[in-house]
Amino acid sequence: MPKVHEPPKEPGEKRNFITEKIVRPSWTKRRLAQCGLLLVLSAVLFGVIAAVSFAISYPWAVRQFGEPPPEESLISIPKDDPTEEETEAETARQPETQAVSLPFEDVVRTAISNYHYTVDDLNDMLGSLRIQVQKMSRGLVVVHSVQQETDWFDNPVETTTLYSGAIIAATSQELLVLTPEAAIEQADSIKVTFANGVEVGGRIKQRDTLSGMAIVAVNTGDMDEATLKVAEPVALGNSYMVREGDLVAAVGSPAGVAHSVDYGFVSYIKKNEQMVDLVTHVFYSRVGADASQGTFFVNTSGELVGWALEPDQEDEGGHMSRIMGISDYKGILEKLTNGLGAPCIGVEGQEVSDLMAERGLPRGIYVLNSVTDRPAYDSGIQNGDIITRVDNREVITMKDFQNTVDNLECGQLIHVTVQRNGPDHYAQLEFQLTVGAR
């Protein structure tokens, strides 16, 4: 082979090596179609593999960790309108026009004097109520407050105190039981016994330290089918419809022990009982009631219309039972049954009446007591202040105030406007507070 002679390299001359540039071929329609088909086939293959893997692993996961809980639905408790219901009840109780010349009181007195009541009449009177009590007893439970203690020799001792409770709501995941707060206050564990005698573990859902009531939840997954059928929530009645002379039944623990029952009449109704952040109807009756153990009151329709309160301090002999009407409490109950803290500002008050307004007081909520260590007290609101706005909402009546407080959330930062009496006139003050929990 002939030799190739390169030209002589000049001094300082640089030689360049051969370099190549790789150029990708242009995309064609056929190549694009091939890549698209490959991508679709890969997606289908991965989808099939994922589905098969889930079908194989899901039963094992359920056995190991249990069925995943479904999303919990919220409980809604409709409120009652006191104005419409009370007017309707009063109208229903108005006597019909008498076609006699005698006054109505004389007609009644004459009819009573001419009729002789018998034991059968009393039995007929109580018969319908007794039937309703038997029906709603499926919604009554016994709450066991279990405490773990030790004796002098450090031996473990378990003590159990029994309280009555009422199932007031249910979801697909749990039953909600209303019971005295004492049932959960010192409890290390909670058990609930249903109407058929079956005992199931319970847990604290929420509490209201101001009213002394609490909600205990029982998981439906821990209950058998027979117990689920027995446990029926009690219908919530309208306490605005209750009138003096109405027949009521006390169920739960009116005698201080569970499963006791008593009957009686409503003797008196106080329509404006001041409590923290609300005014409520309170019934008075000579029927037996034990507030500490849990006593619930039922009307002749078998509806829950209230529960026992602690007796008045003035009533030293405990001759009259005090009954909290349920209607004014339904907003709080809805919060508690959903596991939410019931909002609290912390004042006992009354709305400024027309007579008070004529004397120069501004319209609003007159603060009778700014409760110690509650948000209003901590922010500087004092007794004698008149609250006119809460969270930028005008409040004129106690119903306005209660509805506004019910719509607040615990931990929410709000502004409260008050009118404070000065040397010459009322001065407007603004307070900022964080909503607490009852």
Protein backbone atom coordinates (compact mmCIF):
# COMPACT_ATOMS: atom_id res chain seq x y z
CA MET A 1 0.00 0.00 0.00
CA PRO A 2 1.39 3.37 -0.84
CA LYS A 3 2.28 5.52 2.05
CA VAL A 4 0.57 8.80 2.52
CA HIS A 5 2.90 11.53 3.51
CA GLU A 6 1.41 14.24 5.65
CA PRO A 7 2.61 17.74 5.15
CA PRO A 8 5.18 18.77 7.68
CA LYS A 9 3.82 20.44 10.81
CA GLU A 10 4.76 24.02 11.18
CA PRO A 11 6.11 25.10 14.55
CA GLY A 12 3.25 26.17 16.90
CA GLU A 13 0.57 24.78 14.59
CA LYS A 14 -2.45 23.06 16.34
CA ARG A 15 -4.03 20.01 14.88
CA ASN A 16 -7.90 19.56 15.17
CA PHE A 17 -9.24 16.08 15.79
CA ILE A 18 -12.22 14.86 13.81
CA THR A 19 -15.55 15.61 15.67
CA GLU A 20 -19.00 14.20 14.98
CA LYS A 21 -22.47 15.66 15.65
CA ILE A 22 -25.28 13.22 16.26
CA VAL A 23 -28.53 14.32 14.64
CA ARG A 24 -31.76 12.62 15.80
CA PRO A 25 -34.02 11.47 13.00
CA SER A 26 -37.22 13.55 12.60
CA TRP A 27 -40.53 12.22 14.06
CA THR A 28 -42.76 10.58 11.55
CA LYS A 29 -46.49 9.84 11.88
CA ARG A 30 -45.77 6.13 12.02
CA ARG A 31 -43.27 6.56 14.84
CA LEU A 32 -45.68 8.81 16.78
CA ALA A 33 -48.41 6.18 16.46
CA GLN A 34 -46.08 3.44 17.69
CA CYS A 35 -45.08 5.45 20.79
CA GLY A 36 -48.70 6.36 21.58
CA LEU A 37 -49.78 2.72 21.32
CA LEU A 38 -46.89 1.65 23.58
CA LEU A 39 -47.90 4.26 26.20
CA VAL A 40 -51.53 3.10 26.22
CA LEU A 41 -50.54 -0.56 26.52
CA SER A 42 -48.20 0.30 29.43
CA ALA A 43 -50.97 2.21 31.26
CA VAL A 44 -53.39 -0.69 30.82
CA LEU A 45 -50.79 -3.16 32.04
CA PHE A 46 -49.98 -1.11 35.16
CA GLY A 47 -53.72 -0.64 35.88
CA VAL A 48 -54.33 -4.39 35.71
CA ILE A 49 -51.36 -5.07 37.99
CA ALA A 50 -52.60 -2.46 40.53
CA ALA A 51 -56.15 -3.88 40.52
CA VAL A 52 -54.93 -7.44 41.02
CA SER A 53 -52.59 -6.33 43.82
CA PHE A 54 -55.42 -4.47 45.61
CA ALA A 55 -57.79 -7.44 45.27
CA ILE A 56 -55.19 -9.76 46.77
CA SER A 57 -53.97 -7.46 49.56
CA TYR A 58 -57.31 -5.87 50.68
CA PRO A 59 -58.73 -8.96 52.48
CA TRP A 60 -55.43 -9.39 54.32
CA ALA A 61 -55.39 -5.69 55.31
CA VAL A 62 -58.98 -5.91 56.60
CA ARG A 63 -58.09 -8.95 58.71
CA GLN A 64 -55.05 -7.19 60.13
CA PHE A 65 -56.36 -3.63 60.63
CA GLY A 66 -60.13 -3.89 60.40
CA GLU A 67 -62.59 -2.26 58.00
CA PRO A 68 -61.78 1.43 57.38
CA PRO A 69 -64.38 3.62 59.13
CA PRO A 70 -66.85 5.37 56.80
CA GLU A 71 -67.10 9.12 56.86
CA GLU A 72 -69.12 10.17 59.88
CA SER A 73 -72.33 12.08 59.16
CA LEU A 74 -73.24 15.16 61.16
CA ILE A 75 -76.26 15.18 63.45
CA SER A 76 -78.82 17.94 63.03
CA ILE A 77 -81.27 18.82 65.82
CA PRO A 78 -83.93 21.30 64.61
CA LYS A 79 -84.68 24.14 67.00
CA ASP A 80 -88.16 25.03 68.22
CA ASP A 81 -89.73 28.45 67.80
CA PRO A 82 -91.14 29.49 71.17
CA THR A 83 -93.46 32.17 69.81
CA GLU A 84 -95.38 30.03 67.32
CA GLU A 85 -95.49 26.91 69.48
CA GLU A 86 -96.64 28.69 72.63
CA THR A 87 -99.35 30.55 70.74
CA GLU A 88 -100.53 27.29 69.19
CA ALA A 89 -100.58 25.55 72.56
CA GLU A 90 -102.50 28.38 74.19
CA THR A 91 -105.04 28.37 71.37
CA ALA A 92 -105.51 24.62 71.68
CA ARG A 93 -106.27 25.03 75.37
CA GLN A 94 -108.84 27.84 74.96
CA PRO A 95 -112.30 26.70 76.06
CA GLU A 96 -114.99 26.44 73.41
CA THR A 97 -117.77 28.98 73.46
CA GLN A 98 -120.42 27.83 75.92
CA ALA A 99 -124.07 28.07 74.99
CA VAL A 100 -124.97 28.94 78.57
CA SER A 101 -125.43 32.12 80.45
CA LEU A 102 -123.32 31.03 83.42
CA PRO A 103 -119.67 32.14 83.62
CA PHE A 104 -117.18 29.52 82.43
CA GLU A 105 -115.72 28.98 85.91
CA ASP A 106 -119.18 28.19 87.28
CA VAL A 107 -119.79 25.68 84.48
CA VAL A 108 -116.54 23.87 85.27
CA ARG A 109 -117.19 23.94 89.02
CA THR A 110 -120.65 22.49 88.50
CA ALA A 111 -119.37 19.72 86.20
CA ILE A 112 -116.64 18.72 88.66
CA SER A 113 -119.01 18.65 91.62
CA ASN A 114 -121.43 16.43 89.71
CA TYR A 115 -118.78 13.93 88.58
CA HIS A 116 -117.24 11.40 90.92
CA TYR A 117 -113.77 10.22 89.92
CA THR A 118 -112.87 6.58 90.37
CA VAL A 119 -109.71 4.51 90.34
CA ASP A 120 -110.59 3.49 86.79
CA ASP A 121 -110.46 7.13 85.72
CA LEU A 122 -106.96 7.46 87.16
CA ASN A 123 -105.85 4.26 85.46
CA ASP A 124 -107.24 5.53 82.15
CA MET A 125 -105.36 8.77 82.65
CA LEU A 126 -102.05 7.04 83.30
CA GLY A 127 -102.61 4.21 80.84
CA SER A 128 -101.58 6.06 77.69
CA LEU A 129 -98.54 7.56 79.40
CA ARG A 130 -97.50 4.16 80.74
CA ILE A 131 -97.66 2.74 77.22
CA GLN A 132 -95.49 5.58 75.90
CA VAL A 133 -92.95 5.01 78.68
CA GLN A 134 -92.73 1.32 77.79
CA LYS A 135 -92.11 2.18 74.15
CA MET A 136 -89.40 4.75 74.82
CA SER A 137 -87.69 2.60 77.47
CA ARG A 138 -85.78 0.99 74.58
CA GLY A 139 -83.89 4.26 74.34
CA LEU A 140 -82.92 4.29 78.01
CA VAL A 141 -79.55 2.88 79.10
CA VAL A 142 -77.46 2.48 82.22
CA VAL A 143 -74.03 4.16 82.13
CA HIS A 144 -71.36 2.47 84.26
CA SER A 145 -68.69 4.85 85.53
CA VAL A 146 -65.74 2.54 86.27
CA GLN A 147 -62.87 3.70 88.47
CA GLN A 148 -59.62 1.83 89.09
CA GLU A 149 -58.35 2.30 92.64
CA THR A 150 -56.14 0.51 95.17
CA ASP A 151 -56.82 -0.45 98.76
CA TRP A 152 -54.50 0.02 101.75
CA PHE A 153 -52.46 -2.97 100.66
CA ASP A 154 -52.02 -1.73 97.08
CA ASN A 155 -54.44 -4.31 95.76
CA PRO A 156 -56.34 -3.16 92.64
CA VAL A 157 -59.99 -2.39 93.36
CA GLU A 158 -62.58 -1.58 90.72
CA THR A 159 -65.56 0.52 91.74
CA THR A 160 -68.57 1.18 89.53
CA THR A 161 -71.26 3.85 89.89
CA LEU A 162 -74.44 3.59 87.85
CA TYR A 163 -76.11 6.50 86.06
CA SER A 164 -79.09 6.67 83.76
CA GLY A 165 -78.79 7.83 80.16
CA ALA A 166 -80.99 8.39 77.14
CA ILE A 167 -80.08 7.66 73.52
CA ILE A 168 -80.88 10.93 71.76
CA ALA A 169 -79.23 10.46 68.34
CA ALA A 170 -77.62 7.83 66.14
CA THR A 171 -75.45 7.58 63.05
CA SER A 172 -74.29 4.54 61.12
CA GLN A 173 -71.12 4.53 63.25
CA GLU A 174 -72.31 5.34 66.77
CA LEU A 175 -75.11 5.90 69.24
CA LEU A 176 -75.09 9.12 71.30
CA VAL A 177 -76.21 8.94 74.93
CA LEU A 178 -77.16 11.94 77.08
CA THR A 179 -76.16 11.41 80.70
CA PRO A 180 -75.08 13.44 83.77
CA GLU A 181 -71.52 14.74 83.55
CA ALA A 182 -70.79 12.98 86.85
CA ALA A 183 -70.87 9.69 84.92
CA ILE A 184 -67.68 10.63 83.06
CA GLU A 185 -66.04 13.08 85.44
CA GLN A 186 -63.90 10.58 87.39
CA ALA A 187 -64.31 7.54 85.12
CA ASP A 188 -61.29 5.52 84.03
CA SER A 189 -63.55 3.61 81.65
CA ILE A 190 -67.22 3.69 80.65
CA LYS A 191 -69.64 0.87 79.93
CA VAL A 192 -73.21 1.14 78.69
CA THR A 193 -75.95 -1.43 79.35
CA PHE A 194 -78.85 -1.44 76.88
CA ALA A 195 -82.49 -2.43 77.38
CA ASN A 196 -81.79 -6.10 76.55
CA GLY A 197 -79.06 -6.33 79.21
CA VAL A 198 -76.11 -6.30 76.79
CA GLU A 199 -73.12 -4.31 78.02
CA VAL A 200 -70.90 -2.44 75.55
CA GLY A 201 -67.91 -0.16 76.06
CA GLY A 202 -68.47 3.57 75.65
CA ARG A 203 -66.30 6.65 75.31
CA ILE A 204 -66.59 10.35 76.11
CA LYS A 205 -67.87 12.34 73.14
CA GLN A 206 -68.29 15.78 74.70
CA ARG A 207 -69.37 17.51 77.91
CA ASP A 208 -71.02 20.69 79.17
CA THR A 209 -69.63 21.62 82.58
CA LEU A 210 -72.11 24.48 83.00
CA SER A 211 -75.26 22.39 82.63
CA GLY A 212 -73.73 19.25 84.15
CA MET A 213 -74.62 17.05 81.16
CA ALA A 214 -72.43 14.99 78.84
CA ILE A 215 -72.57 12.85 75.71
CA VAL A 216 -71.26 9.27 75.70
CA ALA A 217 -70.73 7.52 72.36
CA VAL A 218 -71.03 3.79 71.69
CA ASN A 219 -69.61 2.38 68.44
CA THR A 220 -72.24 0.42 66.52
CA GLY A 221 -69.50 -1.92 65.32
CA ASP A 222 -69.18 -3.17 68.91
CA MET A 223 -72.88 -4.09 69.09
CA ASP A 224 -74.64 -7.20 67.82
CA GLU A 225 -77.69 -7.05 65.56
CA ALA A 226 -80.15 -7.81 68.36
CA THR A 227 -78.87 -4.94 70.51
CA LEU A 228 -78.89 -2.54 67.56
CA LYS A 229 -82.56 -3.32 67.00
CA VAL A 230 -83.40 -2.75 70.65
CA ALA A 231 -81.49 0.54 70.99
CA GLU A 232 -83.85 3.16 69.57
CA PRO A 233 -83.17 6.89 70.06
CA VAL A 234 -85.75 8.73 72.13
CA ALA A 235 -87.81 11.30 70.22
CA LEU A 236 -86.94 14.86 71.24
CA GLY A 237 -90.06 16.83 72.11
CA ASN A 238 -90.94 20.52 72.23
CA SER A 239 -90.79 21.81 75.80
CA TYR A 240 -92.39 25.10 74.72
CA MET A 241 -95.66 23.14 74.40
CA VAL A 242 -95.64 21.99 78.04
CA ARG A 243 -98.21 23.71 80.27
CA GLU A 244 -99.12 23.78 83.95
CA GLY A 245 -101.20 20.74 84.77
CA ASP A 246 -99.68 18.55 82.04
CA LEU A 247 -99.02 14.94 82.97
CA VAL A 248 -95.37 13.85 82.71
CA ALA A 249 -93.38 10.73 83.48
CA ALA A 250 -89.97 10.73 85.15
CA VAL A 251 -87.77 7.90 83.83
CA GLY A 252 -84.19 6.84 84.41
CA SER A 253 -83.38 7.28 88.08
CA PRO A 254 -86.19 9.33 89.71
CA ALA A 255 -85.94 7.12 92.81
CA GLY A 256 -82.13 7.30 92.86
CA VAL A 257 -81.72 3.92 91.19
CA ALA A 258 -81.70 3.01 87.50
CA HIS A 259 -84.88 1.73 85.80
CA SER A 260 -87.21 3.54 88.21
CA VAL A 261 -90.31 5.43 87.05
CA ASP A 262 -92.57 8.10 88.55
CA TYR A 263 -95.59 10.06 87.35
CA GLY A 264 -96.79 13.54 88.18
CA PHE A 265 -98.06 16.88 86.96
CA VAL A 266 -96.29 20.09 86.02
CA SER A 267 -97.12 22.50 88.83
CA TYR A 268 -95.42 25.68 87.62
CA ILE A 269 -93.36 26.94 84.68
CA LYS A 270 -90.72 29.64 84.99
CA LYS A 271 -90.19 30.90 81.45
CA ASN A 272 -87.15 33.11 81.98
CA GLU A 273 -84.71 31.22 84.19
CA GLN A 274 -81.33 32.91 83.79
CA MET A 275 -78.49 30.54 83.02
CA VAL A 276 -75.09 31.13 81.49
CA ASP A 277 -75.55 32.49 77.94
CA LEU A 278 -79.25 31.60 77.84
CA VAL A 279 -82.63 31.88 79.46
CA THR A 280 -84.77 28.78 79.58
CA HIS A 281 -88.09 27.32 80.58
CA VAL A 282 -87.81 25.50 83.89
CA PHE A 283 -90.68 23.27 85.05
CA TYR A 284 -91.54 22.61 88.67
CA SER A 285 -93.27 19.40 89.72
CA ARG A 286 -93.75 17.21 92.76
CA VAL A 287 -92.79 14.14 90.75
CA GLY A 288 -89.67 12.37 92.04
CA ALA A 289 -86.36 13.28 90.42
CA ASP A 290 -82.68 12.59 91.09
CA ALA A 291 -80.56 14.98 89.05
CA SER A 292 -77.25 13.49 90.14
CA GLN A 293 -78.08 10.00 88.83
CA GLY A 294 -79.98 11.15 85.74
CA THR A 295 -83.74 11.65 85.50
CA PHE A 296 -85.47 12.39 82.19
CA PHE A 297 -89.02 13.66 81.66
CA VAL A 298 -91.40 12.41 79.00
CA ASN A 299 -94.72 13.85 77.82
CA THR A 300 -97.85 11.86 76.97
CA SER A 301 -96.55 11.39 73.40
CA GLY A 302 -93.43 9.60 74.65
CA GLU A 303 -91.13 12.51 73.76
CA LEU A 304 -88.22 13.74 75.85
CA VAL A 305 -89.07 17.26 77.04
CA GLY A 306 -86.44 17.80 79.74
CA TRP A 307 -84.27 16.41 82.53
CA ALA A 308 -83.87 17.01 86.23
CA LEU A 309 -81.85 19.92 87.59
CA GLU A 310 -80.46 20.26 91.06
CA PRO A 311 -83.16 21.60 93.44
CA ASP A 312 -83.33 25.25 94.41
CA GLN A 313 -81.23 26.19 97.42
CA GLU A 314 -84.31 27.85 98.90
CA ASP A 315 -86.22 24.56 98.69
CA GLU A 316 -84.37 22.89 101.57
CA GLY A 317 -86.84 20.04 101.83
CA GLY A 318 -86.57 19.20 98.14
CA HIS A 319 -90.35 19.17 97.77
CA MET A 320 -90.33 20.42 94.16
CA SER A 321 -88.34 18.95 91.28
CA ARG A 322 -86.80 21.35 88.77
CA ILE A 323 -86.88 20.29 85.12
CA MET A 324 -84.72 21.79 82.37
CA GLY A 325 -86.76 22.30 79.18
CA ILE A 326 -85.07 20.72 76.17
CA SER A 327 -86.07 23.30 73.53
CA ASP A 328 -83.77 26.05 74.79
CA TYR A 329 -80.89 23.55 74.88
CA LYS A 330 -81.17 22.01 71.40
CA GLY A 331 -78.49 24.24 69.87
CA ILE A 332 -76.04 23.10 72.54
CA LEU A 333 -77.12 19.46 72.15
CA GLU A 334 -76.38 19.57 68.43
CA LYS A 335 -72.83 20.74 69.10
CA LEU A 336 -72.23 18.12 71.80
CA THR A 337 -73.58 15.18 69.78
CA ASN A 338 -71.22 16.11 66.93
CA GLY A 339 -68.26 16.10 69.31
CA LEU A 340 -67.87 19.88 69.24
CA GLY A 341 -67.45 22.09 72.25
CA ALA A 342 -70.52 24.20 72.96
CA PRO A 343 -69.51 27.88 72.61
CA CYS A 344 -69.54 30.06 75.71
CA ILE A 345 -69.18 33.79 76.34
CA GLY A 346 -70.00 33.54 80.03
CA VAL A 347 -72.76 35.94 81.06
CA GLU A 348 -76.10 35.60 82.79
CA GLY A 349 -78.40 38.28 81.47
CA GLN A 350 -81.83 39.47 80.48
CA GLU A 351 -83.10 41.59 77.64
CA VAL A 352 -83.84 45.24 78.32
CA SER A 353 -87.61 45.54 78.68
CA ASP A 354 -89.79 48.39 77.42
CA LEU A 355 -90.02 49.77 80.96
CA MET A 356 -86.23 49.70 81.34
CA ALA A 357 -85.84 51.38 77.95
CA GLU A 358 -88.24 54.16 78.99
CA ARG A 359 -85.95 54.84 81.92
CA GLY A 360 -83.04 55.47 79.56
CA LEU A 361 -81.35 52.06 79.27
CA PRO A 362 -80.08 51.15 75.78
CA ARG A 363 -81.67 48.17 74.05
CA GLY A 364 -79.66 44.97 74.40
CA ILE A 365 -78.76 42.28 76.94
CA TYR A 366 -78.36 43.54 80.50
CA VAL A 367 -75.52 41.62 82.19
CA LEU A 368 -76.69 40.37 85.57
CA ASN A 369 -73.56 38.33 86.17
CA SER A 370 -70.29 38.22 84.28
CA VAL A 371 -69.18 34.73 85.32
CA THR A 372 -65.71 34.52 86.84
CA ASP A 373 -62.96 32.99 84.69
CA ARG A 374 -65.14 32.97 81.58
CA PRO A 375 -64.30 34.88 78.36
CA ALA A 376 -66.55 37.90 79.04
CA TYR A 377 -65.15 38.35 82.55
CA ASP A 378 -61.55 37.93 81.38
CA SER A 379 -62.05 40.51 78.61
CA GLY A 380 -63.35 43.15 81.04
CA ILE A 381 -67.15 42.97 80.65
CA GLN A 382 -68.78 43.81 83.99
CA ASN A 383 -72.10 43.39 85.75
CA GLY A 384 -74.46 46.15 84.64
CA ASP A 385 -73.03 46.42 81.12
CA ILE A 386 -75.53 46.15 78.27
CA ILE A 387 -74.40 44.00 75.34
CA THR A 388 -75.64 45.42 72.04
CA ARG A 389 -73.57 43.53 69.43
CA VAL A 390 -71.84 40.16 69.37
CA ASP A 391 -69.56 39.22 66.46
CA ASN A 392 -70.93 42.21 64.49
CA ARG A 393 -74.52 41.03 64.99
CA GLU A 394 -77.06 43.18 66.80
CA VAL A 395 -78.63 41.48 69.83
CA ILE A 396 -81.86 42.94 71.22
CA THR A 397 -83.58 39.88 72.73
CA MET A 398 -82.22 36.88 74.58
CA LYS A 399 -83.27 34.73 71.61
CA ASP A 400 -81.04 36.88 69.38
CA PHE A 401 -78.21 36.46 71.86
CA GLN A 402 -78.63 32.68 72.19
CA ASN A 403 -78.82 32.12 68.43
CA THR A 404 -75.70 34.24 67.92
CA VAL A 405 -73.75 32.35 70.59
CA ASP A 406 -74.91 28.98 69.18
CA ASN A 407 -73.43 29.92 65.79
CA LEU A 408 -70.01 30.76 67.22
CA GLU A 409 -67.11 28.32 67.40
CA CYS A 410 -64.87 27.61 70.37
CA GLY A 411 -61.57 29.43 69.97
CA GLN A 412 -63.04 32.04 67.63
CA LEU A 413 -61.89 35.62 68.17
CA ILE A 414 -64.87 38.00 68.27
CA HIS A 415 -65.74 41.59 69.18
CA VAL A 416 -68.46 42.43 71.69
CA THR A 417 -69.97 45.90 71.90
CA VAL A 418 -71.40 47.05 75.23
CA GLN A 419 -72.94 50.18 76.65
CA ARG A 420 -71.54 51.04 80.09
CA ASN A 421 -73.25 53.47 82.44
CA GLY A 422 -71.09 56.49 83.24
CA PRO A 423 -71.56 59.57 85.42
CA ASP A 424 -73.69 61.35 82.83
CA HIS A 425 -74.48 58.88 80.05
CA TYR A 426 -73.89 55.40 78.65
CA ALA A 427 -70.57 55.05 76.85
CA GLN A 428 -69.96 52.54 74.08
CA LEU A 429 -67.04 50.17 74.65
CA GLU A 430 -65.52 47.48 72.43
CA PHE A 431 -64.13 44.22 73.84
CA GLN A 432 -62.22 41.50 72.07
CA LEU A 433 -62.53 37.98 73.44
CA THR A 434 -61.87 34.39 72.51
CA VAL A 435 -64.96 32.18 72.63
CA GLY A 436 -64.64 29.46 75.25
CA ALA A 437 -66.38 26.12 75.74
CA ARG A 438 -69.14 25.35 78.19
